[in-house]
Amino acid sequence: MNEIKEMTQTEKVFDMLSKNTFVCGVSFQQEYIPTYAQRISELNAKNSDYIITGQKCSMPNHSHKGNVFMYSMVRKEVGSDQISFF
């Protein structure tokens, strides 16, 4: 019987970032990833092909009372120090 393997939190964070231009921190929390900032830090430390950056959330229809960040992932250009958005 084939067993379906559930994604780790780090895999979920990567998947969400790869499918969206920006992901609000609240979206990670809604996916039951309370330590998303740590998962992002781990991804940045182990993956030299991508850079994940954050900035204060300015997404439409988001009115956070605190300093909630939104995150984006960009791919580094091969053989250069430049990055490209995808």
PDB file of N, CA and C in Angstrom:
ATOM      1  N   MET A   1       0.828  -1.171   0.000  1.00  0.00           N
ATOM      2  CA  MET A   1       0.000   0.000   0.000  1.00  0.00           C
ATOM      3  C   MET A   1       0.882   1.247   0.000  1.00  0.00           C
ATOM      4  N   ASN A   2       0.558   2.229  -0.845  1.00  0.00           N
ATOM      5  CA  ASN A   2       1.316   3.465  -0.901  1.00  0.00           C
ATOM      6  C   ASN A   2       0.904   4.389   0.230  1.00  0.00           C
ATOM      7  N   GLU A   3       1.904   4.830   0.964  1.00  0.00           N
ATOM      8  CA  GLU A   3       1.639   5.739   2.072  1.00  0.00           C
ATOM      9  C   GLU A   3       1.918   7.163   1.614  1.00  0.00           C
ATOM     10  N   ILE A   4       0.989   8.062   1.875  1.00  0.00           N
ATOM     11  CA  ILE A   4       1.170   9.458   1.497  1.00  0.00           C
ATOM     12  C   ILE A   4       1.986  10.143   2.585  1.00  0.00           C
ATOM     13  N   LYS A   5       3.122  10.712   2.179  1.00  0.00           N
ATOM     14  CA  LYS A   5       3.999  11.386   3.125  1.00  0.00           C
ATOM     15  C   LYS A   5       3.568  12.846   3.248  1.00  0.00           C
ATOM     16  N   GLU A   6       3.346  13.279   4.469  1.00  0.00           N
ATOM     17  CA  GLU A   6       2.980  14.666   4.709  1.00  0.00           C
ATOM     18  C   GLU A   6       4.234  15.533   4.637  1.00  0.00           C
ATOM     19  N   MET A   7       4.074  16.726   4.070  1.00  0.00           N
ATOM     20  CA  MET A   7       5.207  17.649   3.959  1.00  0.00           C
ATOM     21  C   MET A   7       5.626  18.151   5.337  1.00  0.00           C
ATOM     22  N   THR A   8       6.920  18.377   5.486  1.00  0.00           N
ATOM     23  CA  THR A   8       7.414  19.007   6.703  1.00  0.00           C
ATOM     24  C   THR A   8       7.036  20.488   6.679  1.00  0.00           C
ATOM     25  N   GLN A   9       7.160  21.160   7.795  1.00  0.00           N
ATOM     26  CA  GLN A   9       6.875  22.595   7.840  1.00  0.00           C
ATOM     27  C   GLN A   9       7.790  23.363   6.891  1.00  0.00           C
ATOM     28  N   THR A  10       9.044  22.984   6.826  1.00  0.00           N
ATOM     29  CA  THR A  10       9.988  23.656   5.927  1.00  0.00           C
ATOM     30  C   THR A  10       9.572  23.463   4.474  1.00  0.00           C
ATOM     31  N   GLU A  11       9.148  22.256   4.121  1.00  0.00           N
ATOM     32  CA  GLU A  11       8.675  21.994   2.759  1.00  0.00           C
ATOM     33  C   GLU A  11       7.419  22.793   2.449  1.00  0.00           C
ATOM     34  N   LYS A  12       6.513  22.915   3.422  1.00  0.00           N
ATOM     35  CA  LYS A  12       5.299  23.710   3.225  1.00  0.00           C
ATOM     36  C   LYS A  12       5.632  25.179   2.985  1.00  0.00           C
ATOM     37  N   VAL A  13       6.571  25.716   3.775  1.00  0.00           N
ATOM     38  CA  VAL A  13       6.976  27.117   3.606  1.00  0.00           C
ATOM     39  C   VAL A  13       7.546  27.321   2.207  1.00  0.00           C
ATOM     40  N   PHE A  14       8.446  26.436   1.785  1.00  0.00           N
ATOM     41  CA  PHE A  14       9.036  26.539   0.453  1.00  0.00           C
ATOM     42  C   PHE A  14       7.956  26.462  -0.619  1.00  0.00           C
ATOM     43  N   ASP A  15       7.027  25.532  -0.473  1.00  0.00           N
ATOM     44  CA  ASP A  15       5.950  25.349  -1.442  1.00  0.00           C
ATOM     45  C   ASP A  15       5.081  26.605  -1.534  1.00  0.00           C
ATOM     46  N   MET A  16       4.708  27.159  -0.399  1.00  0.00           N
ATOM     47  CA  MET A  16       3.875  28.367  -0.400  1.00  0.00           C
ATOM     48  C   MET A  16       4.605  29.538  -1.058  1.00  0.00           C
ATOM     49  N   LEU A  17       5.884  29.688  -0.748  1.00  0.00           N
ATOM     50  CA  LEU A  17       6.656  30.799  -1.322  1.00  0.00           C
ATOM     51  C   LEU A  17       6.874  30.616  -2.820  1.00  0.00           C
ATOM     52  N   SER A  18       7.032  29.382  -3.263  1.00  0.00           N
ATOM     53  CA  SER A  18       7.279  29.142  -4.687  1.00  0.00           C
ATOM     54  C   SER A  18       6.019  29.347  -5.531  1.00  0.00           C
ATOM     55  N   LYS A  19       4.840  29.273  -4.910  1.00  0.00           N
ATOM     56  CA  LYS A  19       3.579  29.427  -5.644  1.00  0.00           C
ATOM     57  C   LYS A  19       3.018  30.840  -5.592  1.00  0.00           C
ATOM     58  N   ASN A  20       3.594  31.722  -4.784  1.00  0.00           N
ATOM     59  CA  ASN A  20       3.050  33.060  -4.592  1.00  0.00           C
ATOM     60  C   ASN A  20       4.156  34.108  -4.661  1.00  0.00           C
ATOM     61  N   THR A  21       3.814  35.292  -5.157  1.00  0.00           N
ATOM     62  CA  THR A  21       4.781  36.379  -5.183  1.00  0.00           C
ATOM     63  C   THR A  21       5.126  36.805  -3.765  1.00  0.00           C
ATOM     64  N   PHE A  22       4.112  36.977  -2.931  1.00  0.00           N
ATOM     65  CA  PHE A  22       4.302  37.309  -1.523  1.00  0.00           C
ATOM     66  C   PHE A  22       3.418  36.418  -0.683  1.00  0.00           C
ATOM     67  N   VAL A  23       3.902  36.073   0.520  1.00  0.00           N
ATOM     68  CA  VAL A  23       3.109  35.307   1.473  1.00  0.00           C
ATOM     69  C   VAL A  23       3.155  36.043   2.805  1.00  0.00           C
ATOM     70  N   CYS A  24       1.978  36.366   3.325  1.00  0.00           N
ATOM     71  CA  CYS A  24       1.854  37.044   4.610  1.00  0.00           C
ATOM     72  C   CYS A  24       2.144  36.041   5.736  1.00  0.00           C
ATOM     73  N   GLY A  25       2.780  36.533   6.792  1.00  0.00           N
ATOM     74  CA  GLY A  25       3.064  35.681   7.938  1.00  0.00           C
ATOM     75  C   GLY A  25       1.824  35.020   8.510  1.00  0.00           C
ATOM     76  N   VAL A  26       0.691  35.700   8.445  1.00  0.00           N
ATOM     77  CA  VAL A  26      -0.568  35.131   8.938  1.00  0.00           C
ATOM     78  C   VAL A  26      -0.948  33.898   8.118  1.00  0.00           C
ATOM     79  N   SER A  27      -0.622  33.885   6.835  1.00  0.00           N
ATOM     80  CA  SER A  27      -0.924  32.718   5.993  1.00  0.00           C
ATOM     81  C   SER A  27      -0.170  31.487   6.474  1.00  0.00           C
ATOM     82  N   PHE A  28       1.081  31.676   6.911  1.00  0.00           N
ATOM     83  CA  PHE A  28       1.833  30.544   7.466  1.00  0.00           C
ATOM     84  C   PHE A  28       1.169  30.053   8.745  1.00  0.00           C
ATOM     85  N   GLN A  29       0.726  30.989   9.588  1.00  0.00           N
ATOM     86  CA  GLN A  29       0.068  30.604  10.834  1.00  0.00           C
ATOM     87  C   GLN A  29      -1.231  29.858  10.557  1.00  0.00           C
ATOM     88  N   GLN A  30      -1.966  30.266   9.532  1.00  0.00           N
ATOM     89  CA  GLN A  30      -3.207  29.580   9.174  1.00  0.00           C
ATOM     90  C   GLN A  30      -2.949  28.155   8.687  1.00  0.00           C
ATOM     91  N   GLU A  31      -1.738  27.894   8.227  1.00  0.00           N
ATOM     92  CA  GLU A  31      -1.342  26.547   7.801  1.00  0.00           C
ATOM     93  C   GLU A  31      -0.670  25.782   8.948  1.00  0.00           C
ATOM     94  N   TYR A  32      -0.832  26.290  10.174  1.00  0.00           N
ATOM     95  CA  TYR A  32      -0.293  25.656  11.377  1.00  0.00           C
ATOM     96  C   TYR A  32       1.231  25.571  11.360  1.00  0.00           C
ATOM     97  N   ILE A  33       1.853  26.669  10.947  1.00  0.00           N
ATOM     98  CA  ILE A  33       3.310  26.782  10.967  1.00  0.00           C
ATOM     99  C   ILE A  33       3.657  27.991  11.849  1.00  0.00           C
ATOM    100  N   PRO A  34       3.573  27.827  13.174  1.00  0.00           N
ATOM    101  CA  PRO A  34       3.795  28.968  14.061  1.00  0.00           C
ATOM    102  C   PRO A  34       5.238  29.470  14.072  1.00  0.00           C
ATOM    103  N   THR A  35       6.182  28.603  13.723  1.00  0.00           N
ATOM    104  CA  THR A  35       7.597  28.998  13.731  1.00  0.00           C
ATOM    105  C   THR A  35       8.106  29.203  12.299  1.00  0.00           C
ATOM    106  N   TYR A  36       7.271  29.851  11.478  1.00  0.00           N
ATOM    107  CA  TYR A  36       7.628  30.052  10.065  1.00  0.00           C
ATOM    108  C   TYR A  36       8.905  30.864   9.898  1.00  0.00           C
ATOM    109  N   ALA A  37       9.163  31.821  10.776  1.00  0.00           N
ATOM    110  CA  ALA A  37      10.386  32.629  10.645  1.00  0.00           C
ATOM    111  C   ALA A  37      11.628  31.745  10.785  1.00  0.00           C
ATOM    112  N   GLN A  38      11.583  30.771  11.681  1.00  0.00           N
ATOM    113  CA  GLN A  38      12.693  29.832  11.831  1.00  0.00           C
ATOM    114  C   GLN A  38      12.827  28.955  10.587  1.00  0.00           C
ATOM    115  N   ARG A  39      11.713  28.509  10.029  1.00  0.00           N
ATOM    116  CA  ARG A  39      11.762  27.694   8.807  1.00  0.00           C
ATOM    117  C   ARG A  39      12.353  28.505   7.648  1.00  0.00           C
ATOM    118  N   ILE A  40      12.007  29.783   7.553  1.00  0.00           N
ATOM    119  CA  ILE A  40      12.560  30.660   6.512  1.00  0.00           C
ATOM    120  C   ILE A  40      14.059  30.819   6.708  1.00  0.00           C
ATOM    121  N   SER A  41      14.476  31.001   7.939  1.00  0.00           N
ATOM    122  CA  SER A  41      15.902  31.108   8.239  1.00  0.00           C
ATOM    123  C   SER A  41      16.651  29.835   7.838  1.00  0.00           C
ATOM    124  N   GLU A  42      16.065  28.683   8.110  1.00  0.00           N
ATOM    125  CA  GLU A  42      16.677  27.412   7.724  1.00  0.00           C
ATOM    126  C   GLU A  42      16.791  27.292   6.202  1.00  0.00           C
ATOM    127  N   LEU A  43      15.739  27.689   5.494  1.00  0.00           N
ATOM    128  CA  LEU A  43      15.782  27.641   4.028  1.00  0.00           C
ATOM    129  C   LEU A  43      16.861  28.563   3.481  1.00  0.00           C
ATOM    130  N   ASN A  44      16.979  29.753   4.021  1.00  0.00           N
ATOM    131  CA  ASN A  44      18.014  30.683   3.568  1.00  0.00           C
ATOM    132  C   ASN A  44      19.408  30.131   3.839  1.00  0.00           C
ATOM    133  N   ALA A  45      19.574  29.438   4.958  1.00  0.00           N
ATOM    134  CA  ALA A  45      20.886  28.904   5.328  1.00  0.00           C
ATOM    135  C   ALA A  45      21.303  27.721   4.461  1.00  0.00           C
ATOM    136  N   LYS A  46      20.333  26.895   4.037  1.00  0.00           N
ATOM    137  CA  LYS A  46      20.710  25.667   3.325  1.00  0.00           C
ATOM    138  C   LYS A  46      20.566  25.738   1.812  1.00  0.00           C
ATOM    139  N   ASN A  47      19.897  26.747   1.286  1.00  0.00           N
ATOM    140  CA  ASN A  47      19.641  26.785  -0.149  1.00  0.00           C
ATOM    141  C   ASN A  47      20.289  28.008  -0.775  1.00  0.00           C
ATOM    142  N   SER A  48      21.332  27.779  -1.550  1.00  0.00           N
ATOM    143  CA  SER A  48      22.042  28.900  -2.167  1.00  0.00           C
ATOM    144  C   SER A  48      21.422  29.328  -3.502  1.00  0.00           C
ATOM    145  N   ASP A  49      20.392  28.626  -3.969  1.00  0.00           N
ATOM    146  CA  ASP A  49      19.738  28.979  -5.232  1.00  0.00           C
ATOM    147  C   ASP A  49      18.662  30.046  -5.057  1.00  0.00           C
ATOM    148  N   TYR A  50      18.190  30.219  -3.830  1.00  0.00           N
ATOM    149  CA  TYR A  50      17.093  31.150  -3.557  1.00  0.00           C
ATOM    150  C   TYR A  50      17.440  32.061  -2.385  1.00  0.00           C
ATOM    151  N   ILE A  51      16.795  33.206  -2.363  1.00  0.00           N
ATOM    152  CA  ILE A  51      16.876  34.115  -1.233  1.00  0.00           C
ATOM    153  C   ILE A  51      15.445  34.444  -0.831  1.00  0.00           C
ATOM    154  N   ILE A  52      15.155  34.324   0.442  1.00  0.00           N
ATOM    155  CA  ILE A  52      13.834  34.686   0.951  1.00  0.00           C
ATOM    156  C   ILE A  52      13.988  35.973   1.741  1.00  0.00           C
ATOM    157  N   THR A  53      13.207  36.973   1.359  1.00  0.00           N
ATOM    158  CA  THR A  53      13.269  38.264   2.033  1.00  0.00           C
ATOM    159  C   THR A  53      11.902  38.606   2.612  1.00  0.00           C
ATOM    160  N   GLY A  54      11.907  39.494   3.592  1.00  0.00           N
ATOM    161  CA  GLY A  54      10.671  39.918   4.217  1.00  0.00           C
ATOM    162  C   GLY A  54      10.580  41.425   4.318  1.00  0.00           C
ATOM    163  N   GLN A  55       9.369  41.904   4.339  1.00  0.00           N
ATOM    164  CA  GLN A  55       9.109  43.327   4.533  1.00  0.00           C
ATOM    165  C   GLN A  55       7.743  43.454   5.196  1.00  0.00           C
ATOM    166  N   LYS A  56       7.485  44.602   5.800  1.00  0.00           N
ATOM    167  CA  LYS A  56       6.207  44.804   6.485  1.00  0.00           C
ATOM    168  C   LYS A  56       5.063  44.552   5.504  1.00  0.00           C
ATOM    169  N   CYS A  57       4.055  43.821   5.964  1.00  0.00           N
ATOM    170  CA  CYS A  57       2.954  43.429   5.091  1.00  0.00           C
ATOM    171  C   CYS A  57       2.169  44.643   4.602  1.00  0.00           C
ATOM    172  N   SER A  58       2.050  44.724   3.290  1.00  0.00           N
ATOM    173  CA  SER A  58       1.257  45.786   2.655  1.00  0.00           C
ATOM    174  C   SER A  58       0.284  45.176   1.639  1.00  0.00           C
ATOM    175  N   MET A  59      -0.065  43.934   1.867  1.00  0.00           N
ATOM    176  CA  MET A  59      -0.957  43.240   0.946  1.00  0.00           C
ATOM    177  C   MET A  59      -2.357  43.845   1.017  1.00  0.00           C
ATOM    178  N   PRO A  60      -3.051  43.885  -0.129  1.00  0.00           N
ATOM    179  CA  PRO A  60      -4.418  44.410  -0.135  1.00  0.00           C
ATOM    180  C   PRO A  60      -5.315  43.635   0.833  1.00  0.00           C
ATOM    181  N   ASN A  61      -6.187  44.338   1.485  1.00  0.00           N
ATOM    182  CA  ASN A  61      -7.152  43.760   2.430  1.00  0.00           C
ATOM    183  C   ASN A  61      -6.516  43.182   3.699  1.00  0.00           C
ATOM    184  N   HIS A  62      -5.266  43.529   3.956  1.00  0.00           N
ATOM    185  CA  HIS A  62      -4.615  43.109   5.195  1.00  0.00           C
ATOM    186  C   HIS A  62      -4.435  44.351   6.059  1.00  0.00           C
ATOM    187  N   SER A  63      -5.000  44.337   7.229  1.00  0.00           N
ATOM    188  CA  SER A  63      -4.851  45.469   8.149  1.00  0.00           C
ATOM    189  C   SER A  63      -4.413  44.929   9.505  1.00  0.00           C
ATOM    190  N   HIS A  64      -3.137  44.637   9.608  1.00  0.00           N
ATOM    191  CA  HIS A  64      -2.584  44.056  10.824  1.00  0.00           C
ATOM    192  C   HIS A  64      -2.356  45.142  11.870  1.00  0.00           C
ATOM    193  N   LYS A  65      -2.601  44.810  13.115  1.00  0.00           N
ATOM    194  CA  LYS A  65      -2.359  45.757  14.201  1.00  0.00           C
ATOM    195  C   LYS A  65      -0.889  45.773  14.594  1.00  0.00           C
ATOM    196  N   GLY A  66      -0.193  44.678  14.422  1.00  0.00           N
ATOM    197  CA  GLY A  66       1.218  44.591  14.772  1.00  0.00           C
ATOM    198  C   GLY A  66       2.093  44.650  13.532  1.00  0.00           C
ATOM    199  N   ASN A  67       3.362  44.401  13.738  1.00  0.00           N
ATOM    200  CA  ASN A  67       4.319  44.391  12.627  1.00  0.00           C
ATOM    201  C   ASN A  67       4.385  42.995  12.025  1.00  0.00           C
ATOM    202  N   VAL A  68       3.448  42.684  11.162  1.00  0.00           N
ATOM    203  CA  VAL A  68       3.421  41.401  10.478  1.00  0.00           C
ATOM    204  C   VAL A  68       4.137  41.561   9.144  1.00  0.00           C
ATOM    205  N   PHE A  69       5.001  40.613   8.829  1.00  0.00           N
ATOM    206  CA  PHE A  69       5.772  40.689   7.604  1.00  0.00           C
ATOM    207  C   PHE A  69       5.174  39.801   6.524  1.00  0.00           C
ATOM    208  N   MET A  70       5.487  40.159   5.291  1.00  0.00           N
ATOM    209  CA  MET A  70       5.181  39.308   4.147  1.00  0.00           C
ATOM    210  C   MET A  70       6.533  38.908   3.551  1.00  0.00           C
ATOM    211  N   TYR A  71       6.582  37.752   2.961  1.00  0.00           N
ATOM    212  CA  TYR A  71       7.837  37.188   2.487  1.00  0.00           C
ATOM    213  C   TYR A  71       7.749  36.858   1.003  1.00  0.00           C
ATOM    214  N   SER A  72       8.888  36.973   0.343  1.00  0.00           N
ATOM    215  CA  SER A  72       8.980  36.588  -1.063  1.00  0.00           C
ATOM    216  C   SER A  72      10.266  35.804  -1.264  1.00  0.00           C
ATOM    217  N   MET A  73      10.236  34.948  -2.269  1.00  0.00           N
ATOM    218  CA  MET A  73      11.403  34.135  -2.588  1.00  0.00           C
ATOM    219  C   MET A  73      11.849  34.476  -3.997  1.00  0.00           C
ATOM    220  N   VAL A  74      13.129  34.725  -4.142  1.00  0.00           N
ATOM    221  CA  VAL A  74      13.685  35.027  -5.453  1.00  0.00           C
ATOM    222  C   VAL A  74      14.792  34.027  -5.751  1.00  0.00           C
ATOM    223  N   ARG A  75      14.940  33.761  -7.028  1.00  0.00           N
ATOM    224  CA  ARG A  75      15.962  32.820  -7.481  1.00  0.00           C
ATOM    225  C   ARG A  75      17.202  33.601  -7.890  1.00  0.00           C
ATOM    226  N   LYS A  76      18.346  33.151  -7.415  1.00  0.00           N
ATOM    227  CA  LYS A  76      19.605  33.761  -7.841  1.00  0.00           C
ATOM    228  C   LYS A  76      19.898  33.350  -9.275  1.00  0.00           C
ATOM    229  N   GLU A  77      20.409  34.281 -10.051  1.00  0.00           N
ATOM    230  CA  GLU A  77      20.838  33.963 -11.416  1.00  0.00           C
ATOM    231  C   GLU A  77      22.078  33.081 -11.341  1.00  0.00           C
ATOM    232  N   VAL A  78      22.126  32.063 -12.160  1.00  0.00           N
ATOM    233  CA  VAL A  78      23.266  31.154 -12.177  1.00  0.00           C
ATOM    234  C   VAL A  78      24.498  31.900 -12.686  1.00  0.00           C
ATOM    235  N   GLY A  79      25.596  31.795 -11.949  1.00  0.00           N
ATOM    236  CA  GLY A  79      26.853  32.397 -12.373  1.00  0.00           C
ATOM    237  C   GLY A  79      26.942  33.893 -12.154  1.00  0.00           C
ATOM    238  N   SER A  80      26.031  34.456 -11.357  1.00  0.00           N
ATOM    239  CA  SER A  80      26.123  35.889 -11.084  1.00  0.00           C
ATOM    240  C   SER A  80      25.614  36.165  -9.686  1.00  0.00           C
ATOM    241  N   ASP A  81      25.797  37.402  -9.260  1.00  0.00           N
ATOM    242  CA  ASP A  81      25.311  37.799  -7.962  1.00  0.00           C
ATOM    243  C   ASP A  81      23.913  38.387  -8.050  1.00  0.00           C
ATOM    244  N   GLN A  82      23.330  38.403  -9.259  1.00  0.00           N
ATOM    245  CA  GLN A  82      22.008  38.983  -9.436  1.00  0.00           C
ATOM    246  C   GLN A  82      20.933  37.966  -9.082  1.00  0.00           C
ATOM    247  N   ILE A  83      19.772  38.499  -8.766  1.00  0.00           N
ATOM    248  CA  ILE A  83      18.643  37.646  -8.465  1.00  0.00           C
ATOM    249  C   ILE A  83      17.505  37.978  -9.406  1.00  0.00           C
ATOM    250  N   SER A  84      16.626  37.028  -9.606  1.00  0.00           N
ATOM    251  CA  SER A  84      15.469  37.285 -10.477  1.00  0.00           C
ATOM    252  C   SER A  84      14.212  36.858  -9.749  1.00  0.00           C
ATOM    253  N   PHE A  85      13.170  37.621  -9.922  1.00  0.00           N
ATOM    254  CA  PHE A  85      11.883  37.272  -9.347  1.00  0.00           C
ATOM    255  C   PHE A  85      11.192  36.302 -10.287  1.00  0.00           C
ATOM    256  N   PHE A  86      10.457  35.342  -9.747  1.00  0.00           N
ATOM    257  CA  PHE A  86       9.727  34.408 -10.604  1.00  0.00           C
ATOM    258  C   PHE A  86       8.293  34.394 -10.272  1.00  0.00           C
TER     259      PHE A  86
END
